[in-house]
Amino acid sequence: EELGFDEGPARTLLQGVIDLVYEEGDGWVLVDYKSDTVTTNNLSDLVAFYTPQVTLYCRYWKRLTKRSTRAGLFFVQTSQTIWIPGVSRESDI
């Protein structure tokens, strides 16, 4: 339920590793590196695919630190960072 799924097992084990997290004056910045091949046709699909992952990272980092946090995806191939919309620094603290 906490993951936002209407159906599924009662208990779910998730495993993941935050690639980069650092603190700025106004809160934390969380970045997940992605090595996918990026084209103009698939960037939005990749962002949509990985958004739930970094959204969860961000949610729990905020809970652990009690500080505002923002999250983004860094695509290695294009050196492009996409900040995840709706994952603001202040929500869910």
PDB file of N, CA and C in Angstrom:
ATOM      1  N   GLU A   1       0.826  -1.199   0.000  1.00  0.00           N
ATOM      2  CA  GLU A   1       0.000   0.000   0.000  1.00  0.00           C
ATOM      3  C   GLU A   1       0.869   1.262   0.000  1.00  0.00           C
ATOM      4  N   GLU A   2       1.923   1.260   0.796  1.00  0.00           N
ATOM      5  CA  GLU A   2       2.799   2.426   0.886  1.00  0.00           C
ATOM      6  C   GLU A   2       3.519   2.698  -0.432  1.00  0.00           C
ATOM      7  N   LEU A   3       3.697   1.668  -1.254  1.00  0.00           N
ATOM      8  CA  LEU A   3       4.365   1.828  -2.545  1.00  0.00           C
ATOM      9  C   LEU A   3       3.441   2.396  -3.603  1.00  0.00           C
ATOM     10  N   GLY A   4       2.148   2.472  -3.310  1.00  0.00           N
ATOM     11  CA  GLY A   4       1.205   3.037  -4.254  1.00  0.00           C
ATOM     12  C   GLY A   4       0.546   2.013  -5.162  1.00  0.00           C
ATOM     13  N   PHE A   5       0.654   0.733  -4.815  1.00  0.00           N
ATOM     14  CA  PHE A   5       0.028  -0.310  -5.620  1.00  0.00           C
ATOM     15  C   PHE A   5      -1.302  -0.702  -4.987  1.00  0.00           C
ATOM     16  N   ASP A   6      -2.335  -0.838  -5.815  1.00  0.00           N
ATOM     17  CA  ASP A   6      -3.643  -1.252  -5.316  1.00  0.00           C
ATOM     18  C   ASP A   6      -3.673  -2.736  -4.983  1.00  0.00           C
ATOM     19  N   GLU A   7      -2.941  -3.529  -5.750  1.00  0.00           N
ATOM     20  CA  GLU A   7      -2.930  -4.973  -5.550  1.00  0.00           C
ATOM     21  C   GLU A   7      -1.493  -5.449  -5.428  1.00  0.00           C
ATOM     22  N   GLY A   8      -1.331  -6.613  -4.827  1.00  0.00           N
ATOM     23  CA  GLY A   8       0.004  -7.176  -4.689  1.00  0.00           C
ATOM     24  C   GLY A   8       0.134  -7.904  -3.376  1.00  0.00           C
ATOM     25  N   PRO A   9       1.311  -8.420  -3.113  1.00  0.00           N
ATOM     26  CA  PRO A   9       1.516  -9.160  -1.861  1.00  0.00           C
ATOM     27  C   PRO A   9       1.430  -8.232  -0.654  1.00  0.00           C
ATOM     28  N   ALA A  10       1.095  -8.826   0.482  1.00  0.00           N
ATOM     29  CA  ALA A  10       0.983  -8.050   1.720  1.00  0.00           C
ATOM     30  C   ALA A  10       2.321  -7.457   2.127  1.00  0.00           C
ATOM     31  N   ARG A  11       3.398  -8.185   1.839  1.00  0.00           N
ATOM     32  CA  ARG A  11       4.741  -7.705   2.185  1.00  0.00           C
ATOM     33  C   ARG A  11       5.589  -7.703   0.927  1.00  0.00           C
ATOM     34  N   THR A  12       6.395  -6.682   0.779  1.00  0.00           N
ATOM     35  CA  THR A  12       7.277  -6.569  -0.375  1.00  0.00           C
ATOM     36  C   THR A  12       8.652  -6.151   0.102  1.00  0.00           C
ATOM     37  N   LEU A  13       9.672  -6.821  -0.391  1.00  0.00           N
ATOM     38  CA  LEU A  13      11.044  -6.462  -0.067  1.00  0.00           C
ATOM     39  C   LEU A  13      11.655  -5.763  -1.269  1.00  0.00           C
ATOM     40  N   LEU A  14      12.116  -4.551  -1.072  1.00  0.00           N
ATOM     41  CA  LEU A  14      12.783  -3.800  -2.127  1.00  0.00           C
ATOM     42  C   LEU A  14      14.249  -3.664  -1.779  1.00  0.00           C
ATOM     43  N   GLN A  15      15.069  -3.700  -2.799  1.00  0.00           N
ATOM     44  CA  GLN A  15      16.505  -3.547  -2.597  1.00  0.00           C
ATOM     45  C   GLN A  15      17.019  -2.549  -3.616  1.00  0.00           C
ATOM     46  N   GLY A  16      17.845  -1.632  -3.173  1.00  0.00           N
ATOM     47  CA  GLY A  16      18.409  -0.649  -4.081  1.00  0.00           C
ATOM     48  C   GLY A  16      19.552   0.087  -3.415  1.00  0.00           C
ATOM     49  N   VAL A  17      20.310   0.804  -4.218  1.00  0.00           N
ATOM     50  CA  VAL A  17      21.448   1.561  -3.725  1.00  0.00           C
ATOM     51  C   VAL A  17      21.399   2.960  -4.323  1.00  0.00           C
ATOM     52  N   ILE A  18      21.459   3.953  -3.475  1.00  0.00           N
ATOM     53  CA  ILE A  18      21.535   5.332  -3.950  1.00  0.00           C
ATOM     54  C   ILE A  18      22.954   5.558  -4.465  1.00  0.00           C
ATOM     55  N   ASP A  19      23.073   6.058  -5.688  1.00  0.00           N
ATOM     56  CA  ASP A  19      24.396   6.258  -6.278  1.00  0.00           C
ATOM     57  C   ASP A  19      25.123   7.470  -5.716  1.00  0.00           C
ATOM     58  N   LEU A  20      24.401   8.564  -5.503  1.00  0.00           N
ATOM     59  CA  LEU A  20      25.036   9.786  -5.012  1.00  0.00           C
ATOM     60  C   LEU A  20      24.037  10.560  -4.175  1.00  0.00           C
ATOM     61  N   VAL A  21      24.465  10.986  -3.007  1.00  0.00           N
ATOM     62  CA  VAL A  21      23.655  11.867  -2.182  1.00  0.00           C
ATOM     63  C   VAL A  21      24.596  12.863  -1.518  1.00  0.00           C
ATOM     64  N   TYR A  22      24.205  14.120  -1.551  1.00  0.00           N
ATOM     65  CA  TYR A  22      25.027  15.150  -0.909  1.00  0.00           C
ATOM     66  C   TYR A  22      24.120  16.230  -0.341  1.00  0.00           C
ATOM     67  N   GLU A  23      24.659  16.951   0.622  1.00  0.00           N
ATOM     68  CA  GLU A  23      23.887  17.974   1.312  1.00  0.00           C
ATOM     69  C   GLU A  23      24.240  19.356   0.801  1.00  0.00           C
ATOM     70  N   GLU A  24      23.203  20.141   0.567  1.00  0.00           N
ATOM     71  CA  GLU A  24      23.348  21.561   0.242  1.00  0.00           C
ATOM     72  C   GLU A  24      22.758  22.354   1.394  1.00  0.00           C
ATOM     73  N   GLY A  25      22.867  23.657   1.326  1.00  0.00           N
ATOM     74  CA  GLY A  25      22.364  24.494   2.411  1.00  0.00           C
ATOM     75  C   GLY A  25      20.885  24.323   2.696  1.00  0.00           C
ATOM     76  N   ASP A  26      20.089  24.073   1.662  1.00  0.00           N
ATOM     77  CA  ASP A  26      18.643  23.975   1.850  1.00  0.00           C
ATOM     78  C   ASP A  26      18.125  22.544   1.849  1.00  0.00           C
ATOM     79  N   GLY A  27      18.992  21.553   1.903  1.00  0.00           N
ATOM     80  CA  GLY A  27      18.542  20.161   1.975  1.00  0.00           C
ATOM     81  C   GLY A  27      19.462  19.218   1.224  1.00  0.00           C
ATOM     82  N   TRP A  28      18.967  18.009   1.006  1.00  0.00           N
ATOM     83  CA  TRP A  28      19.739  16.959   0.363  1.00  0.00           C
ATOM     84  C   TRP A  28      19.445  16.870  -1.127  1.00  0.00           C
ATOM     85  N   VAL A  29      20.432  16.395  -1.872  1.00  0.00           N
ATOM     86  CA  VAL A  29      20.287  16.126  -3.301  1.00  0.00           C
ATOM     87  C   VAL A  29      20.635  14.663  -3.510  1.00  0.00           C
ATOM     88  N   LEU A  30      19.725  13.942  -4.144  1.00  0.00           N
ATOM     89  CA  LEU A  30      19.888  12.524  -4.395  1.00  0.00           C
ATOM     90  C   LEU A  30      19.922  12.316  -5.911  1.00  0.00           C
ATOM     91  N   VAL A  31      20.954  11.622  -6.415  1.00  0.00           N
ATOM     92  CA  VAL A  31      21.100  11.403  -7.855  1.00  0.00           C
ATOM     93  C   VAL A  31      21.342   9.918  -8.105  1.00  0.00           C
ATOM     94  N   ASP A  32      20.634   9.385  -9.086  1.00  0.00           N
ATOM     95  CA  ASP A  32      20.832   7.996  -9.478  1.00  0.00           C
ATOM     96  C   ASP A  32      21.390   7.979 -10.896  1.00  0.00           C
ATOM     97  N   TYR A  33      22.528   7.334 -11.072  1.00  0.00           N
ATOM     98  CA  TYR A  33      23.180   7.246 -12.378  1.00  0.00           C
ATOM     99  C   TYR A  33      22.524   6.171 -13.230  1.00  0.00           C
ATOM    100  N   LYS A  34      22.339   6.459 -14.510  1.00  0.00           N
ATOM    101  CA  LYS A  34      21.758   5.506 -15.450  1.00  0.00           C
ATOM    102  C   LYS A  34      22.655   5.405 -16.674  1.00  0.00           C
ATOM    103  N   SER A  35      22.950   4.174 -17.068  1.00  0.00           N
ATOM    104  CA  SER A  35      23.861   3.951 -18.200  1.00  0.00           C
ATOM    105  C   SER A  35      23.128   3.495 -19.460  1.00  0.00           C
ATOM    106  N   ASP A  36      21.819   3.666 -19.490  1.00  0.00           N
ATOM    107  CA  ASP A  36      21.035   3.281 -20.659  1.00  0.00           C
ATOM    108  C   ASP A  36      21.465   4.072 -21.902  1.00  0.00           C
ATOM    109  N   THR A  37      21.222   3.504 -23.062  1.00  0.00           N
ATOM    110  CA  THR A  37      21.391   4.241 -24.310  1.00  0.00           C
ATOM    111  C   THR A  37      20.226   5.210 -24.419  1.00  0.00           C
ATOM    112  N   VAL A  38      20.536   6.487 -24.577  1.00  0.00           N
ATOM    113  CA  VAL A  38      19.516   7.527 -24.602  1.00  0.00           C
ATOM    114  C   VAL A  38      19.409   8.087 -26.012  1.00  0.00           C
ATOM    115  N   THR A  39      18.163   8.153 -26.505  1.00  0.00           N
ATOM    116  CA  THR A  39      17.876   8.802 -27.782  1.00  0.00           C
ATOM    117  C   THR A  39      16.786   9.837 -27.539  1.00  0.00           C
ATOM    118  N   THR A  40      16.546  10.658 -28.520  1.00  0.00           N
ATOM    119  CA  THR A  40      15.468  11.642 -28.380  1.00  0.00           C
ATOM    120  C   THR A  40      14.111  10.947 -28.273  1.00  0.00           C
ATOM    121  N   ASN A  41      14.031   9.725 -28.775  1.00  0.00           N
ATOM    122  CA  ASN A  41      12.761   8.994 -28.755  1.00  0.00           C
ATOM    123  C   ASN A  41      12.500   8.249 -27.453  1.00  0.00           C
ATOM    124  N   ASN A  42      13.537   7.950 -26.666  1.00  0.00           N
ATOM    125  CA  ASN A  42      13.295   7.116 -25.487  1.00  0.00           C
ATOM    126  C   ASN A  42      13.550   7.807 -24.149  1.00  0.00           C
ATOM    127  N   LEU A  43      13.994   9.043 -24.149  1.00  0.00           N
ATOM    128  CA  LEU A  43      14.323   9.708 -22.889  1.00  0.00           C
ATOM    129  C   LEU A  43      13.114   9.783 -21.957  1.00  0.00           C
ATOM    130  N   SER A  44      11.973  10.173 -22.454  1.00  0.00           N
ATOM    131  CA  SER A  44      10.799  10.289 -21.578  1.00  0.00           C
ATOM    132  C   SER A  44      10.366   8.922 -21.052  1.00  0.00           C
ATOM    133  N   ASP A  45      10.522   7.864 -21.853  1.00  0.00           N
ATOM    134  CA  ASP A  45      10.199   6.514 -21.382  1.00  0.00           C
ATOM    135  C   ASP A  45      11.153   6.078 -20.273  1.00  0.00           C
ATOM    136  N   LEU A  46      12.445   6.386 -20.429  1.00  0.00           N
ATOM    137  CA  LEU A  46      13.421   6.035 -19.394  1.00  0.00           C
ATOM    138  C   LEU A  46      13.129   6.777 -18.095  1.00  0.00           C
ATOM    139  N   VAL A  47      12.819   8.054 -18.203  1.00  0.00           N
ATOM    140  CA  VAL A  47      12.494   8.841 -17.017  1.00  0.00           C
ATOM    141  C   VAL A  47      11.253   8.262 -16.329  1.00  0.00           C
ATOM    142  N   ALA A  48      10.240   7.917 -17.106  1.00  0.00           N
ATOM    143  CA  ALA A  48       9.021   7.333 -16.539  1.00  0.00           C
ATOM    144  C   ALA A  48       9.315   5.995 -15.864  1.00  0.00           C
ATOM    145  N   PHE A  49      10.183   5.201 -16.465  1.00  0.00           N
ATOM    146  CA  PHE A  49      10.521   3.887 -15.918  1.00  0.00           C
ATOM    147  C   PHE A  49      11.262   4.001 -14.586  1.00  0.00           C
ATOM    148  N   TYR A  50      12.208   4.936 -14.482  1.00  0.00           N
ATOM    149  CA  TYR A  50      13.044   5.046 -13.286  1.00  0.00           C
ATOM    150  C   TYR A  50      12.481   5.973 -12.205  1.00  0.00           C
ATOM    151  N   THR A  51      11.469   6.761 -12.526  1.00  0.00           N
ATOM    152  CA  THR A  51      10.907   7.693 -11.549  1.00  0.00           C
ATOM    153  C   THR A  51      10.417   7.007 -10.277  1.00  0.00           C
ATOM    154  N   PRO A  52       9.697   5.891 -10.352  1.00  0.00           N
ATOM    155  CA  PRO A  52       9.274   5.256  -9.090  1.00  0.00           C
ATOM    156  C   PRO A  52      10.450   4.864  -8.192  1.00  0.00           C
ATOM    157  N   GLN A  53      11.528   4.416  -8.779  1.00  0.00           N
ATOM    158  CA  GLN A  53      12.710   4.012  -8.007  1.00  0.00           C
ATOM    159  C   GLN A  53      13.273   5.193  -7.220  1.00  0.00           C
ATOM    160  N   VAL A  54      13.562   6.298  -7.899  1.00  0.00           N
ATOM    161  CA  VAL A  54      14.163   7.428  -7.185  1.00  0.00           C
ATOM    162  C   VAL A  54      13.157   8.146  -6.298  1.00  0.00           C
ATOM    163  N   THR A  55      11.884   8.043  -6.620  1.00  0.00           N
ATOM    164  CA  THR A  55      10.867   8.612  -5.739  1.00  0.00           C
ATOM    165  C   THR A  55      10.872   7.896  -4.395  1.00  0.00           C
ATOM    166  N   LEU A  56      11.001   6.576  -4.425  1.00  0.00           N
ATOM    167  CA  LEU A  56      11.093   5.825  -3.169  1.00  0.00           C
ATOM    168  C   LEU A  56      12.374   6.149  -2.416  1.00  0.00           C
ATOM    169  N   TYR A  57      13.492   6.206  -3.123  1.00  0.00           N
ATOM    170  CA  TYR A  57      14.746   6.591  -2.473  1.00  0.00           C
ATOM    171  C   TYR A  57      14.575   7.921  -1.755  1.00  0.00           C
ATOM    172  N   CYS A  58      13.989   8.873  -2.462  1.00  0.00           N
ATOM    173  CA  CYS A  58      13.818  10.223  -1.930  1.00  0.00           C
ATOM    174  C   CYS A  58      12.892  10.215  -0.713  1.00  0.00           C
ATOM    175  N   ARG A  59      11.798   9.507  -0.811  1.00  0.00           N
ATOM    176  CA  ARG A  59      10.836   9.449   0.294  1.00  0.00           C
ATOM    177  C   ARG A  59      11.503   8.953   1.575  1.00  0.00           C
ATOM    178  N   TYR A  60      12.250   7.875   1.461  1.00  0.00           N
ATOM    179  CA  TYR A  60      12.842   7.291   2.664  1.00  0.00           C
ATOM    180  C   TYR A  60      14.060   8.078   3.143  1.00  0.00           C
ATOM    181  N   TRP A  61      14.774   8.719   2.240  1.00  0.00           N
ATOM    182  CA  TRP A  61      15.889   9.581   2.672  1.00  0.00           C
ATOM    183  C   TRP A  61      15.349  10.750   3.491  1.00  0.00           C
ATOM    184  N   LYS A  62      14.226  11.323   3.042  1.00  0.00           N
ATOM    185  CA  LYS A  62      13.597  12.408   3.793  1.00  0.00           C
ATOM    186  C   LYS A  62      13.188  11.946   5.182  1.00  0.00           C
ATOM    187  N   ARG A  63      12.627  10.753   5.251  1.00  0.00           N
ATOM    188  CA  ARG A  63      12.200  10.228   6.552  1.00  0.00           C
ATOM    189  C   ARG A  63      13.392   9.989   7.475  1.00  0.00           C
ATOM    190  N   LEU A  64      14.475   9.482   6.934  1.00  0.00           N
ATOM    191  CA  LEU A  64      15.659   9.218   7.744  1.00  0.00           C
ATOM    192  C   LEU A  64      16.326  10.492   8.242  1.00  0.00           C
ATOM    193  N   THR A  65      16.416  11.484   7.368  1.00  0.00           N
ATOM    194  CA  THR A  65      17.171  12.692   7.703  1.00  0.00           C
ATOM    195  C   THR A  65      16.311  13.806   8.285  1.00  0.00           C
ATOM    196  N   LYS A  66      15.004  13.721   8.064  1.00  0.00           N
ATOM    197  CA  LYS A  66      14.084  14.788   8.488  1.00  0.00           C
ATOM    198  C   LYS A  66      14.437  16.123   7.830  1.00  0.00           C
ATOM    199  N   ARG A  67      14.989  16.042   6.613  1.00  0.00           N
ATOM    200  CA  ARG A  67      15.365  17.246   5.863  1.00  0.00           C
ATOM    201  C   ARG A  67      14.768  17.174   4.470  1.00  0.00           C
ATOM    202  N   SER A  68      14.596  18.322   3.870  1.00  0.00           N
ATOM    203  CA  SER A  68      14.082  18.359   2.506  1.00  0.00           C
ATOM    204  C   SER A  68      15.088  17.716   1.552  1.00  0.00           C
ATOM    205  N   THR A  69      14.566  17.126   0.478  1.00  0.00           N
ATOM    206  CA  THR A  69      15.398  16.378  -0.464  1.00  0.00           C
ATOM    207  C   THR A  69      14.804  16.504  -1.856  1.00  0.00           C
ATOM    208  N   ARG A  70      15.675  16.587  -2.857  1.00  0.00           N
ATOM    209  CA  ARG A  70      15.213  16.503  -4.241  1.00  0.00           C
ATOM    210  C   ARG A  70      15.979  15.379  -4.914  1.00  0.00           C
ATOM    211  N   ALA A  71      15.414  14.845  -5.998  1.00  0.00           N
ATOM    212  CA  ALA A  71      16.009  13.675  -6.633  1.00  0.00           C
ATOM    213  C   ALA A  71      16.058  13.847  -8.141  1.00  0.00           C
ATOM    214  N   GLY A  72      17.103  13.274  -8.741  1.00  0.00           N
ATOM    215  CA  GLY A  72      17.247  13.330 -10.185  1.00  0.00           C
ATOM    216  C   GLY A  72      17.912  12.085 -10.737  1.00  0.00           C
ATOM    217  N   LEU A  73      17.811  11.953 -12.053  1.00  0.00           N
ATOM    218  CA  LEU A  73      18.456  10.873 -12.797  1.00  0.00           C
ATOM    219  C   LEU A  73      19.573  11.481 -13.621  1.00  0.00           C
ATOM    220  N   PHE A  74      20.763  10.905 -13.546  1.00  0.00           N
ATOM    221  CA  PHE A  74      21.883  11.367 -14.365  1.00  0.00           C
ATOM    222  C   PHE A  74      22.158  10.298 -15.413  1.00  0.00           C
ATOM    223  N   PHE A  75      21.935  10.654 -16.690  1.00  0.00           N
ATOM    224  CA  PHE A  75      22.182   9.736 -17.790  1.00  0.00           C
ATOM    225  C   PHE A  75      23.622   9.917 -18.254  1.00  0.00           C
ATOM    226  N   VAL A  76      24.418   8.892 -18.029  1.00  0.00           N
ATOM    227  CA  VAL A  76      25.855   8.944 -18.265  1.00  0.00           C
ATOM    228  C   VAL A  76      26.174   9.226 -19.729  1.00  0.00           C
ATOM    229  N   GLN A  77      25.456   8.578 -20.642  1.00  0.00           N
ATOM    230  CA  GLN A  77      25.744   8.716 -22.068  1.00  0.00           C
ATOM    231  C   GLN A  77      25.636  10.163 -22.540  1.00  0.00           C
ATOM    232  N   THR A  78      24.671  10.902 -22.022  1.00  0.00           N
ATOM    233  CA  THR A  78      24.434  12.272 -22.482  1.00  0.00           C
ATOM    234  C   THR A  78      24.870  13.329 -21.463  1.00  0.00           C
ATOM    235  N   SER A  79      25.353  12.895 -20.314  1.00  0.00           N
ATOM    236  CA  SER A  79      25.727  13.814 -19.216  1.00  0.00           C
ATOM    237  C   SER A  79      24.569  14.744 -18.866  1.00  0.00           C
ATOM    238  N   GLN A  80      23.376  14.203 -18.872  1.00  0.00           N
ATOM    239  CA  GLN A  80      22.169  14.997 -18.646  1.00  0.00           C
ATOM    240  C   GLN A  80      21.518  14.576 -17.336  1.00  0.00           C
ATOM    241  N   THR A  81      21.184  15.567 -16.520  1.00  0.00           N
ATOM    242  CA  THR A  81      20.447  15.301 -15.289  1.00  0.00           C
ATOM    243  C   THR A  81      19.005  15.725 -15.482  1.00  0.00           C
ATOM    244  N   ILE A  82      18.096  14.817 -15.168  1.00  0.00           N
ATOM    245  CA  ILE A  82      16.661  15.099 -15.215  1.00  0.00           C
ATOM    246  C   ILE A  82      16.158  15.092 -13.783  1.00  0.00           C
ATOM    247  N   TRP A  83      15.677  16.237 -13.324  1.00  0.00           N
ATOM    248  CA  TRP A  83      15.123  16.321 -11.968  1.00  0.00           C
ATOM    249  C   TRP A  83      13.703  15.798 -12.010  1.00  0.00           C
ATOM    250  N   ILE A  84      13.358  14.963 -11.070  1.00  0.00           N
ATOM    251  CA  ILE A  84      12.075  14.282 -11.083  1.00  0.00           C
ATOM    252  C   ILE A  84      10.969  15.243 -10.650  1.00  0.00           C
ATOM    253  N   PRO A  85      10.015  15.486 -11.560  1.00  0.00           N
ATOM    254  CA  PRO A  85       8.908  16.383 -11.207  1.00  0.00           C
ATOM    255  C   PRO A  85       8.054  15.770 -10.099  1.00  0.00           C
ATOM    256  N   GLY A  86       7.585  16.608  -9.207  1.00  0.00           N
ATOM    257  CA  GLY A  86       6.747  16.124  -8.118  1.00  0.00           C
ATOM    258  C   GLY A  86       7.532  15.598  -6.931  1.00  0.00           C
ATOM    259  N   VAL A  87       8.842  15.457  -7.077  1.00  0.00           N
ATOM    260  CA  VAL A  87       9.687  15.040  -5.948  1.00  0.00           C
ATOM    261  C   VAL A  87      10.360  16.308  -5.452  1.00  0.00           C
ATOM    262  N   SER A  88       9.600  17.058  -4.679  1.00  0.00           N
ATOM    263  CA  SER A  88      10.109  18.345  -4.211  1.00  0.00           C
ATOM    264  C   SER A  88      10.892  18.164  -2.925  1.00  0.00           C
ATOM    265  N   ARG A  89      11.555  19.195  -2.542  1.00  0.00           N
ATOM    266  CA  ARG A  89      12.361  19.150  -1.319  1.00  0.00           C
ATOM    267  C   ARG A  89      11.497  19.000  -0.065  1.00  0.00           C
ATOM    268  N   GLU A  90      10.322  19.550  -0.029  1.00  0.00           N
ATOM    269  CA  GLU A  90       9.567  19.624   1.221  1.00  0.00           C
ATOM    270  C   GLU A  90       8.536  18.528   1.414  1.00  0.00           C
ATOM    271  N   SER A  91       8.034  17.900   0.374  1.00  0.00           N
ATOM    272  CA  SER A  91       6.943  16.940   0.541  1.00  0.00           C
ATOM    273  C   SER A  91       7.408  15.704   1.308  1.00  0.00           C
ATOM    274  N   ASP A  92       6.498  15.113   2.042  1.00  0.00           N
ATOM    275  CA  ASP A  92       6.707  13.846   2.777  1.00  0.00           C
ATOM    276  C   ASP A  92       7.702  13.940   3.928  1.00  0.00           C
ATOM    277  N   ILE A  93       7.994  15.110   4.453  1.00  0.00           N
ATOM    278  CA  ILE A  93       8.917  15.169   5.609  1.00  0.00           C
ATOM    279  C   ILE A  93       8.115  14.935   6.855  1.00  0.00           C
TER     280      ILE A  93
END
